[in-house]
Amino acid sequence: MEKLLATHLTELSTRYAKAMGVSLATLSERAAGDWRFFKQVADGSLNFRIRSYDRAMAWFSDNWPADAEWPSDVPRPQPSDKQGDASC
């Protein structure tokens, strides 16, 4: 299961960084509070907790660029009422 969840995070982080024109390190800092988070998830060197996954998924859902398509193979959480800063 962790491998599937890591795939979701990697796909979202890659698409988001590209759509917003930011580095993966910048996105990681803003979305997860650790500039290495998405790199380590992608290369398999980080065993993350489900709470970290849920937080990152909620952040992506709340901050997803309107002009970017959410990947159809990644379940999207319902965006919260309190939107974050998508300008990263």
PDB file of N, CA and C in Angstrom:
ATOM      1  N   MET A   1       0.821  -1.190   0.000  1.00  0.00           N
ATOM      2  CA  MET A   1       0.000   0.000   0.000  1.00  0.00           C
ATOM      3  C   MET A   1       0.871   1.263   0.000  1.00  0.00           C
ATOM      4  N   GLU A   2       1.979   1.220   0.766  1.00  0.00           N
ATOM      5  CA  GLU A   2       2.837   2.407   0.838  1.00  0.00           C
ATOM      6  C   GLU A   2       3.377   2.776  -0.541  1.00  0.00           C
ATOM      7  N   LYS A   3       3.683   1.776  -1.347  1.00  0.00           N
ATOM      8  CA  LYS A   3       4.203   2.045  -2.692  1.00  0.00           C
ATOM      9  C   LYS A   3       3.168   2.774  -3.551  1.00  0.00           C
ATOM     10  N   LEU A   4       1.919   2.364  -3.459  1.00  0.00           N
ATOM     11  CA  LEU A   4       0.842   3.032  -4.200  1.00  0.00           C
ATOM     12  C   LEU A   4       0.676   4.478  -3.723  1.00  0.00           C
ATOM     13  N   LEU A   5       0.693   4.687  -2.432  1.00  0.00           N
ATOM     14  CA  LEU A   5       0.548   6.037  -1.889  1.00  0.00           C
ATOM     15  C   LEU A   5       1.734   6.914  -2.281  1.00  0.00           C
ATOM     16  N   ALA A   6       2.922   6.336  -2.284  1.00  0.00           N
ATOM     17  CA  ALA A   6       4.113   7.070  -2.716  1.00  0.00           C
ATOM     18  C   ALA A   6       3.993   7.453  -4.191  1.00  0.00           C
ATOM     19  N   THR A   7       3.433   6.561  -4.989  1.00  0.00           N
ATOM     20  CA  THR A   7       3.212   6.856  -6.405  1.00  0.00           C
ATOM     21  C   THR A   7       2.255   8.027  -6.566  1.00  0.00           C
ATOM     22  N   HIS A   8       1.189   8.059  -5.771  1.00  0.00           N
ATOM     23  CA  HIS A   8       0.246   9.180  -5.809  1.00  0.00           C
ATOM     24  C   HIS A   8       0.956  10.498  -5.484  1.00  0.00           C
ATOM     25  N   LEU A   9       1.709  10.505  -4.398  1.00  0.00           N
ATOM     26  CA  LEU A   9       2.403  11.736  -3.995  1.00  0.00           C
ATOM     27  C   LEU A   9       3.421  12.174  -5.037  1.00  0.00           C
ATOM     28  N   THR A  10       4.121  11.219  -5.609  1.00  0.00           N
ATOM     29  CA  THR A  10       5.129  11.550  -6.615  1.00  0.00           C
ATOM     30  C   THR A  10       4.474  12.130  -7.862  1.00  0.00           C
ATOM     31  N   GLU A  11       3.396  11.532  -8.301  1.00  0.00           N
ATOM     32  CA  GLU A  11       2.704  12.036  -9.486  1.00  0.00           C
ATOM     33  C   GLU A  11       2.163  13.445  -9.242  1.00  0.00           C
ATOM     34  N   LEU A  12       1.527  13.643  -8.101  1.00  0.00           N
ATOM     35  CA  LEU A  12       0.974  14.965  -7.797  1.00  0.00           C
ATOM     36  C   LEU A  12       2.070  16.012  -7.659  1.00  0.00           C
ATOM     37  N   SER A  13       3.142  15.682  -6.950  1.00  0.00           N
ATOM     38  CA  SER A  13       4.201  16.665  -6.733  1.00  0.00           C
ATOM     39  C   SER A  13       4.880  17.043  -8.045  1.00  0.00           C
ATOM     40  N   THR A  14       5.097  16.060  -8.906  1.00  0.00           N
ATOM     41  CA  THR A  14       5.730  16.329 -10.195  1.00  0.00           C
ATOM     42  C   THR A  14       4.838  17.222 -11.061  1.00  0.00           C
ATOM     43  N   ARG A  15       3.564  16.889 -11.147  1.00  0.00           N
ATOM     44  CA  ARG A  15       2.633  17.690 -11.960  1.00  0.00           C
ATOM     45  C   ARG A  15       2.453  19.091 -11.398  1.00  0.00           C
ATOM     46  N   TYR A  16       2.318  19.182 -10.076  1.00  0.00           N
ATOM     47  CA  TYR A  16       2.109  20.491  -9.464  1.00  0.00           C
ATOM     48  C   TYR A  16       3.325  21.386  -9.666  1.00  0.00           C
ATOM     49  N   ALA A  17       4.508  20.868  -9.405  1.00  0.00           N
ATOM     50  CA  ALA A  17       5.735  21.656  -9.554  1.00  0.00           C
ATOM     51  C   ALA A  17       5.874  22.157 -10.987  1.00  0.00           C
ATOM     52  N   LYS A  18       5.583  21.299 -11.950  1.00  0.00           N
ATOM     53  CA  LYS A  18       5.667  21.694 -13.350  1.00  0.00           C
ATOM     54  C   LYS A  18       4.624  22.760 -13.686  1.00  0.00           C
ATOM     55  N   ALA A  19       3.394  22.551 -13.251  1.00  0.00           N
ATOM     56  CA  ALA A  19       2.314  23.497 -13.547  1.00  0.00           C
ATOM     57  C   ALA A  19       2.561  24.870 -12.937  1.00  0.00           C
ATOM     58  N   MET A  20       3.181  24.883 -11.765  1.00  0.00           N
ATOM     59  CA  MET A  20       3.398  26.148 -11.055  1.00  0.00           C
ATOM     60  C   MET A  20       4.786  26.725 -11.287  1.00  0.00           C
ATOM     61  N   GLY A  21       5.650  25.983 -11.952  1.00  0.00           N
ATOM     62  CA  GLY A  21       6.993  26.478 -12.239  1.00  0.00           C
ATOM     63  C   GLY A  21       7.863  26.630 -11.003  1.00  0.00           C
ATOM     64  N   VAL A  22       7.735  25.692 -10.068  1.00  0.00           N
ATOM     65  CA  VAL A  22       8.547  25.720  -8.853  1.00  0.00           C
ATOM     66  C   VAL A  22       9.366  24.437  -8.764  1.00  0.00           C
ATOM     67  N   SER A  23      10.419  24.487  -8.004  1.00  0.00           N
ATOM     68  CA  SER A  23      11.229  23.287  -7.799  1.00  0.00           C
ATOM     69  C   SER A  23      10.519  22.333  -6.847  1.00  0.00           C
ATOM     70  N   LEU A  24      10.900  21.091  -6.917  1.00  0.00           N
ATOM     71  CA  LEU A  24      10.344  20.090  -6.014  1.00  0.00           C
ATOM     72  C   LEU A  24      10.691  20.423  -4.563  1.00  0.00           C
ATOM     73  N   ALA A  25      11.877  20.971  -4.339  1.00  0.00           N
ATOM     74  CA  ALA A  25      12.287  21.353  -2.978  1.00  0.00           C
ATOM     75  C   ALA A  25      11.402  22.471  -2.438  1.00  0.00           C
ATOM     76  N   THR A  26      11.106  23.456  -3.269  1.00  0.00           N
ATOM     77  CA  THR A  26      10.227  24.553  -2.841  1.00  0.00           C
ATOM     78  C   THR A  26       8.833  24.033  -2.540  1.00  0.00           C
ATOM     79  N   LEU A  27       8.323  23.206  -3.436  1.00  0.00           N
ATOM     80  CA  LEU A  27       7.001  22.624  -3.212  1.00  0.00           C
ATOM     81  C   LEU A  27       6.986  21.790  -1.937  1.00  0.00           C
ATOM     82  N   SER A  28       8.004  20.983  -1.722  1.00  0.00           N
ATOM     83  CA  SER A  28       8.082  20.144  -0.523  1.00  0.00           C
ATOM     84  C   SER A  28       8.056  20.978   0.744  1.00  0.00           C
ATOM     85  N   GLU A  29       8.801  22.062   0.743  1.00  0.00           N
ATOM     86  CA  GLU A  29       8.838  22.943   1.920  1.00  0.00           C
ATOM     87  C   GLU A  29       7.459  23.524   2.198  1.00  0.00           C
ATOM     88  N   ARG A  30       6.805  23.967   1.156  1.00  0.00           N
ATOM     89  CA  ARG A  30       5.495  24.612   1.326  1.00  0.00           C
ATOM     90  C   ARG A  30       4.382  23.625   1.653  1.00  0.00           C
ATOM     91  N   ALA A  31       4.397  22.467   1.025  1.00  0.00           N
ATOM     92  CA  ALA A  31       3.311  21.507   1.216  1.00  0.00           C
ATOM     93  C   ALA A  31       3.524  20.576   2.404  1.00  0.00           C
ATOM     94  N   ALA A  32       4.793  20.254   2.700  1.00  0.00           N
ATOM     95  CA  ALA A  32       5.073  19.253   3.734  1.00  0.00           C
ATOM     96  C   ALA A  32       5.980  19.765   4.852  1.00  0.00           C
ATOM     97  N   GLY A  33       6.515  20.977   4.695  1.00  0.00           N
ATOM     98  CA  GLY A  33       7.378  21.529   5.740  1.00  0.00           C
ATOM     99  C   GLY A  33       8.776  20.944   5.768  1.00  0.00           C
ATOM    100  N   ASP A  34       9.167  20.246   4.706  1.00  0.00           N
ATOM    101  CA  ASP A  34      10.491  19.628   4.624  1.00  0.00           C
ATOM    102  C   ASP A  34      10.905  19.613   3.162  1.00  0.00           C
ATOM    103  N   TRP A  35      11.946  20.341   2.817  1.00  0.00           N
ATOM    104  CA  TRP A  35      12.341  20.496   1.422  1.00  0.00           C
ATOM    105  C   TRP A  35      12.725  19.186   0.741  1.00  0.00           C
ATOM    106  N   ARG A  36      12.988  18.135   1.516  1.00  0.00           N
ATOM    107  CA  ARG A  36      13.387  16.841   0.959  1.00  0.00           C
ATOM    108  C   ARG A  36      12.228  15.860   0.801  1.00  0.00           C
ATOM    109  N   PHE A  37      11.079  16.180   1.329  1.00  0.00           N
ATOM    110  CA  PHE A  37       9.979  15.219   1.461  1.00  0.00           C
ATOM    111  C   PHE A  37       9.634  14.510   0.147  1.00  0.00           C
ATOM    112  N   PHE A  38       9.269  15.232  -0.896  1.00  0.00           N
ATOM    113  CA  PHE A  38       8.813  14.584  -2.131  1.00  0.00           C
ATOM    114  C   PHE A  38       9.946  13.868  -2.866  1.00  0.00           C
ATOM    115  N   LYS A  39      11.161  14.369  -2.776  1.00  0.00           N
ATOM    116  CA  LYS A  39      12.307  13.681  -3.374  1.00  0.00           C
ATOM    117  C   LYS A  39      12.508  12.335  -2.686  1.00  0.00           C
ATOM    118  N   GLN A  40      12.446  12.339  -1.361  1.00  0.00           N
ATOM    119  CA  GLN A  40      12.644  11.099  -0.617  1.00  0.00           C
ATOM    120  C   GLN A  40      11.493  10.117  -0.822  1.00  0.00           C
ATOM    121  N   VAL A  41      10.280  10.627  -0.954  1.00  0.00           N
ATOM    122  CA  VAL A  41       9.155   9.748  -1.254  1.00  0.00           C
ATOM    123  C   VAL A  41       9.379   9.092  -2.615  1.00  0.00           C
ATOM    124  N   ALA A  42       9.779   9.888  -3.608  1.00  0.00           N
ATOM    125  CA  ALA A  42       9.973   9.382  -4.969  1.00  0.00           C
ATOM    126  C   ALA A  42      11.090   8.347  -5.052  1.00  0.00           C
ATOM    127  N   ASP A  43      12.179   8.570  -4.306  1.00  0.00           N
ATOM    128  CA  ASP A  43      13.293   7.620  -4.418  1.00  0.00           C
ATOM    129  C   ASP A  43      13.197   6.462  -3.412  1.00  0.00           C
ATOM    130  N   GLY A  44      12.132   6.448  -2.626  1.00  0.00           N
ATOM    131  CA  GLY A  44      11.898   5.334  -1.711  1.00  0.00           C
ATOM    132  C   GLY A  44      12.703   5.354  -0.434  1.00  0.00           C
ATOM    133  N   SER A  45      13.374   6.469  -0.153  1.00  0.00           N
ATOM    134  CA  SER A  45      14.204   6.524   1.048  1.00  0.00           C
ATOM    135  C   SER A  45      13.463   7.043   2.279  1.00  0.00           C
ATOM    136  N   LEU A  46      12.170   7.327   2.136  1.00  0.00           N
ATOM    137  CA  LEU A  46      11.387   7.839   3.260  1.00  0.00           C
ATOM    138  C   LEU A  46      10.190   6.937   3.503  1.00  0.00           C
ATOM    139  N   ASN A  47      10.078   6.432   4.698  1.00  0.00           N
ATOM    140  CA  ASN A  47       8.881   5.713   5.122  1.00  0.00           C
ATOM    141  C   ASN A  47       7.984   6.723   5.818  1.00  0.00           C
ATOM    142  N   PHE A  48       6.986   7.194   5.106  1.00  0.00           N
ATOM    143  CA  PHE A  48       6.112   8.241   5.650  1.00  0.00           C
ATOM    144  C   PHE A  48       4.911   7.613   6.346  1.00  0.00           C
ATOM    145  N   ARG A  49       4.297   8.400   7.190  1.00  0.00           N
ATOM    146  CA  ARG A  49       3.103   7.957   7.907  1.00  0.00           C
ATOM    147  C   ARG A  49       1.861   8.366   7.124  1.00  0.00           C
ATOM    148  N   ILE A  50       0.781   7.670   7.396  1.00  0.00           N
ATOM    149  CA  ILE A  50      -0.472   7.977   6.708  1.00  0.00           C
ATOM    150  C   ILE A  50      -0.917   9.416   7.007  1.00  0.00           C
ATOM    151  N   ARG A  51      -0.600   9.904   8.179  1.00  0.00           N
ATOM    152  CA  ARG A  51      -0.941  11.295   8.523  1.00  0.00           C
ATOM    153  C   ARG A  51      -0.215  12.270   7.593  1.00  0.00           C
ATOM    154  N   SER A  52       1.046  11.984   7.271  1.00  0.00           N
ATOM    155  CA  SER A  52       1.798  12.830   6.335  1.00  0.00           C
ATOM    156  C   SER A  52       1.188  12.760   4.948  1.00  0.00           C
ATOM    157  N   TYR A  53       0.789  11.572   4.546  1.00  0.00           N
ATOM    158  CA  TYR A  53       0.130  11.406   3.252  1.00  0.00           C
ATOM    159  C   TYR A  53      -1.171  12.204   3.210  1.00  0.00           C
ATOM    160  N   ASP A  54      -1.995  12.050   4.234  1.00  0.00           N
ATOM    161  CA  ASP A  54      -3.280  12.753   4.275  1.00  0.00           C
ATOM    162  C   ASP A  54      -3.098  14.268   4.250  1.00  0.00           C
ATOM    163  N   ARG A  55      -2.113  14.760   4.990  1.00  0.00           N
ATOM    164  CA  ARG A  55      -1.851  16.210   4.991  1.00  0.00           C
ATOM    165  C   ARG A  55      -1.417  16.702   3.620  1.00  0.00           C
ATOM    166  N   ALA A  56      -0.502  15.953   2.995  1.00  0.00           N
ATOM    167  CA  ALA A  56      -0.030  16.352   1.669  1.00  0.00           C
ATOM    168  C   ALA A  56      -1.165  16.297   0.649  1.00  0.00           C
ATOM    169  N   MET A  57      -1.974  15.257   0.701  1.00  0.00           N
ATOM    170  CA  MET A  57      -3.095  15.141  -0.233  1.00  0.00           C
ATOM    171  C   MET A  57      -4.090  16.274  -0.030  1.00  0.00           C
ATOM    172  N   ALA A  58      -4.369  16.617   1.209  1.00  0.00           N
ATOM    173  CA  ALA A  58      -5.288  17.731   1.482  1.00  0.00           C
ATOM    174  C   ALA A  58      -4.702  19.040   0.963  1.00  0.00           C
ATOM    175  N   TRP A  59      -3.390  19.225   1.148  1.00  0.00           N
ATOM    176  CA  TRP A  59      -2.745  20.445   0.658  1.00  0.00           C
ATOM    177  C   TRP A  59      -2.871  20.520  -0.856  1.00  0.00           C
ATOM    178  N   PHE A  60      -2.561  19.419  -1.548  1.00  0.00           N
ATOM    179  CA  PHE A  60      -2.687  19.411  -3.008  1.00  0.00           C
ATOM    180  C   PHE A  60      -4.125  19.702  -3.427  1.00  0.00           C
ATOM    181  N   SER A  61      -5.081  19.070  -2.792  1.00  0.00           N
ATOM    182  CA  SER A  61      -6.471  19.273  -3.161  1.00  0.00           C
ATOM    183  C   SER A  61      -6.889  20.736  -2.972  1.00  0.00           C
ATOM    184  N   ASP A  62      -6.449  21.341  -1.894  1.00  0.00           N
ATOM    185  CA  ASP A  62      -6.792  22.736  -1.606  1.00  0.00           C
ATOM    186  C   ASP A  62      -6.062  23.729  -2.503  1.00  0.00           C
ATOM    187  N   ASN A  63      -4.898  23.352  -3.008  1.00  0.00           N
ATOM    188  CA  ASN A  63      -4.046  24.283  -3.744  1.00  0.00           C
ATOM    189  C   ASN A  63      -3.842  23.922  -5.212  1.00  0.00           C
ATOM    190  N   TRP A  64      -4.572  22.950  -5.690  1.00  0.00           N
ATOM    191  CA  TRP A  64      -4.366  22.489  -7.062  1.00  0.00           C
ATOM    192  C   TRP A  64      -4.691  23.608  -8.052  1.00  0.00           C
ATOM    193  N   PRO A  65      -3.800  23.851  -9.027  1.00  0.00           N
ATOM    194  CA  PRO A  65      -4.038  24.918 -10.003  1.00  0.00           C
ATOM    195  C   PRO A  65      -5.299  24.650 -10.828  1.00  0.00           C
ATOM    196  N   ALA A  66      -6.091  25.675 -10.998  1.00  0.00           N
ATOM    197  CA  ALA A  66      -7.361  25.537 -11.720  1.00  0.00           C
ATOM    198  C   ALA A  66      -7.158  25.070 -13.160  1.00  0.00           C
ATOM    199  N   ASP A  67      -6.051  25.438 -13.758  1.00  0.00           N
ATOM    200  CA  ASP A  67      -5.815  25.087 -15.163  1.00  0.00           C
ATOM    201  C   ASP A  67      -5.055  23.773 -15.343  1.00  0.00           C
ATOM    202  N   ALA A  68      -4.798  23.051 -14.272  1.00  0.00           N
ATOM    203  CA  ALA A  68      -4.102  21.756 -14.350  1.00  0.00           C
ATOM    204  C   ALA A  68      -5.098  20.632 -14.047  1.00  0.00           C
ATOM    205  N   GLU A  69      -4.973  19.560 -14.768  1.00  0.00           N
ATOM    206  CA  GLU A  69      -5.864  18.424 -14.571  1.00  0.00           C
ATOM    207  C   GLU A  69      -5.343  17.532 -13.450  1.00  0.00           C
ATOM    208  N   TRP A  70      -6.213  17.202 -12.505  1.00  0.00           N
ATOM    209  CA  TRP A  70      -5.878  16.255 -11.440  1.00  0.00           C
ATOM    210  C   TRP A  70      -5.783  14.866 -12.081  1.00  0.00           C
ATOM    211  N   PRO A  71      -4.752  14.092 -11.781  1.00  0.00           N
ATOM    212  CA  PRO A  71      -4.609  12.765 -12.398  1.00  0.00           C
ATOM    213  C   PRO A  71      -5.809  11.862 -12.077  1.00  0.00           C
ATOM    214  N   SER A  72      -6.348  11.243 -13.093  1.00  0.00           N
ATOM    215  CA  SER A  72      -7.558  10.427 -12.915  1.00  0.00           C
ATOM    216  C   SER A  72      -7.312   9.181 -12.065  1.00  0.00           C
ATOM    217  N   ASP A  73      -6.074   8.724 -11.991  1.00  0.00           N
ATOM    218  CA  ASP A  73      -5.777   7.515 -11.218  1.00  0.00           C
ATOM    219  C   ASP A  73      -5.416   7.799  -9.759  1.00  0.00           C
ATOM    220  N   VAL A  74      -5.521   9.058  -9.347  1.00  0.00           N
ATOM    221  CA  VAL A  74      -5.224   9.438  -7.961  1.00  0.00           C
ATOM    222  C   VAL A  74      -6.511   9.965  -7.314  1.00  0.00           C
ATOM    223  N   PRO A  75      -7.010   9.290  -6.278  1.00  0.00           N
ATOM    224  CA  PRO A  75      -8.223   9.774  -5.615  1.00  0.00           C
ATOM    225  C   PRO A  75      -7.985  11.157  -5.005  1.00  0.00           C
ATOM    226  N   ARG A  76      -8.920  12.076  -5.278  1.00  0.00           N
ATOM    227  CA  ARG A  76      -8.767  13.439  -4.769  1.00  0.00           C
ATOM    228  C   ARG A  76      -9.652  13.650  -3.554  1.00  0.00           C
ATOM    229  N   PRO A  77      -9.053  14.093  -2.442  1.00  0.00           N
ATOM    230  CA  PRO A  77      -9.865  14.432  -1.280  1.00  0.00           C
ATOM    231  C   PRO A  77     -10.708  15.674  -1.580  1.00  0.00           C
ATOM    232  N   GLN A  78     -11.792  15.793  -0.898  1.00  0.00           N
ATOM    233  CA  GLN A  78     -12.634  16.976  -1.035  1.00  0.00           C
ATOM    234  C   GLN A  78     -11.848  18.197  -0.557  1.00  0.00           C
ATOM    235  N   PRO A  79     -11.763  19.253  -1.372  1.00  0.00           N
ATOM    236  CA  PRO A  79     -11.071  20.465  -0.900  1.00  0.00           C
ATOM    237  C   PRO A  79     -11.764  21.024   0.348  1.00  0.00           C
ATOM    238  N   SER A  80     -10.957  21.547   1.249  1.00  0.00           N
ATOM    239  CA  SER A  80     -11.527  22.118   2.476  1.00  0.00           C
ATOM    240  C   SER A  80     -12.106  23.492   2.184  1.00  0.00           C
ATOM    241  N   ASP A  81     -12.857  24.017   3.136  1.00  0.00           N
ATOM    242  CA  ASP A  81     -13.412  25.366   3.001  1.00  0.00           C
ATOM    243  C   ASP A  81     -12.311  26.409   3.112  1.00  0.00           C
ATOM    244  N   LYS A  82     -11.239  26.062   3.842  1.00  0.00           N
ATOM    245  CA  LYS A  82     -10.138  26.987   4.066  1.00  0.00           C
ATOM    246  C   LYS A  82      -9.061  26.709   3.033  1.00  0.00           C
ATOM    247  N   GLN A  83      -9.029  27.477   1.963  1.00  0.00           N
ATOM    248  CA  GLN A  83      -8.059  27.300   0.892  1.00  0.00           C
ATOM    249  C   GLN A  83      -6.701  27.822   1.304  1.00  0.00           C
ATOM    250  N   GLY A  84      -5.656  27.148   0.858  1.00  0.00           N
ATOM    251  CA  GLY A  84      -4.276  27.567   1.133  1.00  0.00           C
ATOM    252  C   GLY A  84      -3.795  28.532   0.097  1.00  0.00           C
ATOM    253  N   ASP A  85      -2.502  28.789   0.078  1.00  0.00           N
ATOM    254  CA  ASP A  85      -1.876  29.722  -0.859  1.00  0.00           C
ATOM    255  C   ASP A  85      -1.349  28.936  -2.053  1.00  0.00           C
ATOM    256  N   ALA A  86      -2.068  29.004  -3.156  1.00  0.00           N
ATOM    257  CA  ALA A  86      -1.682  28.261  -4.357  1.00  0.00           C
ATOM    258  C   ALA A  86      -0.645  28.997  -5.179  1.00  0.00           C
ATOM    259  N   SER A  87      -0.153  30.104  -4.704  1.00  0.00           N
ATOM    260  CA  SER A  87       0.777  30.908  -5.478  1.00  0.00           C
ATOM    261  C   SER A  87       2.226  30.446  -5.367  1.00  0.00           C
ATOM    262  N   CYS A  88       2.438  29.297  -4.742  1.00  0.00           N
ATOM    263  CA  CYS A  88       3.824  28.845  -4.616  1.00  0.00           C
ATOM    264  C   CYS A  88       4.285  28.421  -5.968  1.00  0.00           C
TER     265      CYS A  88
END
